[in-house]
């Protein structure tokens, strides 16, 4: 059996996974109340030679094509942790079961090809307090030691 090349650390433990496998896990954080925003963290990868901006453009085009009622809002700069990474926040809304859902996603390149996406989603319009909460979550990020 060959040596595993990568590890995945999660709340309950740590696993090694074989060469060639990519971490595409999603962490979902359920809200404390029905009208509070939910958070999730997901992982992806850039295509060879792709920039972060091109990745976001490609993903937004897919969402517009495949998600009912997709409406893109503003795009702005984002910072992860204590200026650890620079990325972009995208605001959007879409229809789920006939009801509008609002979200903001912060997207960062972790290394030359790995993407980390932080998403805040809510069944009501996101307000300044929600944006502050999302900002706190992003600022709290630290790499494993």
Protein backbone atom coordinates (compact mmCIF):
# COMPACT_ATOMS: atom_id res chain seq x y z
CA UNK A 1 0.00 0.00 0.00
CA UNK A 2 1.41 3.39 -0.96
CA UNK A 3 1.88 6.31 1.43
CA UNK A 4 -1.08 8.72 1.50
CA UNK A 5 -0.25 12.14 0.07
CA UNK A 6 -2.84 14.30 1.81
CA UNK A 7 -4.75 14.60 5.02
CA UNK A 8 -8.20 15.93 5.87
CA UNK A 9 -8.66 17.37 9.34
CA UNK A 10 -12.26 17.79 10.47
CA UNK A 11 -14.06 18.30 13.77
CA UNK A 12 -14.14 14.64 14.73
CA UNK A 13 -10.71 13.59 13.52
CA UNK A 14 -8.15 13.29 10.75
CA UNK A 15 -7.94 10.98 7.74
CA UNK A 16 -5.30 10.28 5.12
CA UNK A 17 -6.49 9.97 1.56
CA UNK A 18 -4.65 8.36 -1.39
CA UNK A 19 -2.76 10.11 -4.18
CA UNK A 20 -4.91 11.83 -6.74
CA UNK A 21 -7.93 12.41 -4.51
CA UNK A 22 -9.12 15.99 -4.01
CA UNK A 23 -10.80 17.34 -0.89
CA UNK A 24 -14.24 18.56 -1.99
CA UNK A 25 -15.82 18.37 1.45
CA UNK A 26 -18.41 20.87 2.61
CA UNK A 27 -18.78 22.04 6.21
CA UNK A 28 -22.33 23.15 7.00
CA UNK A 29 -23.11 25.27 10.06
CA UNK A 30 -26.84 25.33 10.82
CA UNK A 31 -28.32 28.59 12.14
CA UNK A 32 -29.55 28.94 15.73
CA UNK A 33 -32.93 30.33 14.56
CA UNK A 34 -35.08 30.02 11.42
CA UNK A 35 -34.41 33.59 10.27
CA UNK A 36 -30.66 33.55 11.05
CA UNK A 37 -28.15 32.98 8.25
CA UNK A 38 -26.51 29.60 7.72
CA UNK A 39 -22.83 29.21 6.84
CA UNK A 40 -20.93 26.67 4.83
CA UNK A 41 -17.37 26.20 3.72
CA UNK A 42 -16.68 24.32 0.51
CA UNK A 43 -13.65 23.43 -1.53
CA UNK A 44 -12.93 23.40 -5.24
CA UNK A 45 -10.00 23.72 -7.62
CA UNK A 46 -8.95 26.11 -10.37
CA UNK A 47 -8.64 24.77 -13.88
CA UNK A 48 -5.03 24.72 -15.13
CA UNK A 49 -3.87 28.31 -15.77
CA UNK A 50 -7.12 29.79 -14.41
CA UNK A 51 -7.10 32.91 -12.22
CA UNK A 52 -9.39 33.43 -9.25
CA UNK A 53 -11.39 36.09 -11.15
CA UNK A 54 -11.83 33.73 -14.13
CA UNK A 55 -12.91 30.92 -11.78
CA UNK A 56 -15.55 33.20 -10.20
CA UNK A 57 -16.75 34.33 -13.65
CA UNK A 58 -17.07 30.69 -14.74
CA UNK A 59 -18.97 29.70 -11.60
CA UNK A 60 -21.32 32.69 -11.86
CA UNK A 61 -22.11 31.81 -15.48
CA UNK A 62 -22.97 28.25 -14.40
CA UNK A 63 -25.20 29.49 -11.58
CA UNK A 64 -27.02 31.90 -13.88
CA UNK A 65 -27.60 29.08 -16.35
CA UNK A 66 -28.66 26.38 -13.86
CA UNK A 67 -30.17 28.06 -10.78
CA UNK A 68 -33.74 29.27 -10.99
CA UNK A 69 -34.24 33.00 -10.43
CA UNK A 70 -30.51 33.69 -10.11
CA UNK A 71 -29.74 37.39 -9.55
CA UNK A 72 -26.16 38.46 -9.10
CA UNK A 73 -25.43 41.47 -6.91
CA UNK A 74 -22.22 43.33 -6.22
CA UNK A 75 -18.71 41.90 -6.29
CA UNK A 76 -16.08 43.30 -3.92
CA UNK A 77 -12.68 42.54 -2.44
CA UNK A 78 -12.43 40.20 0.54
CA UNK A 79 -9.74 39.39 3.10
CA UNK A 80 -9.39 36.07 4.90
CA UNK A 81 -7.93 35.95 8.41
CA UNK A 82 -5.46 38.61 9.45
CA UNK A 83 -4.63 39.53 5.82
CA UNK A 84 -3.71 35.90 5.10
CA UNK A 85 -5.42 35.75 1.70
CA UNK A 86 -7.11 38.20 -0.65
CA UNK A 87 -10.20 37.16 -2.54
CA UNK A 88 -13.60 38.33 -3.64
CA UNK A 89 -17.13 38.46 -2.21
CA UNK A 90 -20.12 37.96 -4.49
CA UNK A 91 -23.66 38.84 -3.41
CA UNK A 92 -26.57 37.02 -5.06
CA UNK A 93 -30.07 35.67 -4.61
CA UNK A 94 -32.02 32.80 -6.15
CA UNK A 95 -35.28 30.91 -5.87
CA UNK A 96 -35.58 27.73 -3.80
CA UNK A 97 -39.00 26.10 -3.60
CA UNK A 98 -40.52 29.31 -4.98
CA UNK A 99 -39.01 31.49 -2.24
CA UNK A 100 -36.09 33.89 -2.62
CA UNK A 101 -32.85 33.07 -0.80
CA UNK A 102 -30.02 35.61 -0.34
CA UNK A 103 -26.37 34.80 -0.06
CA UNK A 104 -22.89 36.17 -0.09
CA UNK A 105 -19.87 34.07 -0.97
CA UNK A 106 -16.23 34.86 -0.25
CA UNK A 107 -13.85 32.99 -2.55
CA UNK A 108 -10.10 32.56 -1.99
CA UNK A 109 -7.20 30.72 -3.63
CA UNK A 110 -5.41 28.75 -0.89
CA UNK A 111 -2.42 27.77 -3.03
CA UNK A 112 -1.75 27.64 -6.74
CA UNK A 113 -4.96 25.71 -7.48
CA UNK A 114 -7.11 25.04 -4.38
CA UNK A 115 -10.21 27.18 -3.78
CA UNK A 116 -11.91 27.83 -0.45
CA UNK A 117 -15.47 29.23 -0.55
CA UNK A 118 -17.25 30.67 2.49
CA UNK A 119 -21.01 31.10 2.01
CA UNK A 120 -23.63 32.88 4.11
CA UNK A 121 -27.23 32.05 3.10
CA UNK A 122 -30.49 33.38 4.51
CA UNK A 123 -34.22 33.29 3.74
CA UNK A 124 -34.45 37.05 4.27
CA UNK A 125 -32.52 39.98 2.83
CA UNK A 126 -29.06 40.13 4.38
CA UNK A 127 -28.47 43.33 6.35
CA UNK A 128 -25.46 45.21 7.77
CA UNK A 129 -25.45 43.06 10.93
CA UNK A 130 -25.28 39.93 8.76
CA UNK A 131 -22.40 41.39 6.75
CA UNK A 132 -20.59 42.21 10.00
CA UNK A 133 -21.14 38.62 11.20
CA UNK A 134 -19.78 37.27 7.91
CA UNK A 135 -16.78 39.60 8.20
CA UNK A 136 -16.08 38.30 11.71
CA UNK A 137 -16.22 34.73 10.45
CA UNK A 138 -13.73 35.51 7.66
CA UNK A 139 -11.38 37.41 10.00
CA UNK A 140 -11.38 34.47 12.45
CA UNK A 141 -9.73 32.14 9.90
CA UNK A 142 -6.31 30.71 10.79
CA UNK A 143 -4.23 28.10 8.98
CA UNK A 144 -3.40 24.88 10.87
CA UNK A 145 -0.02 25.04 12.59
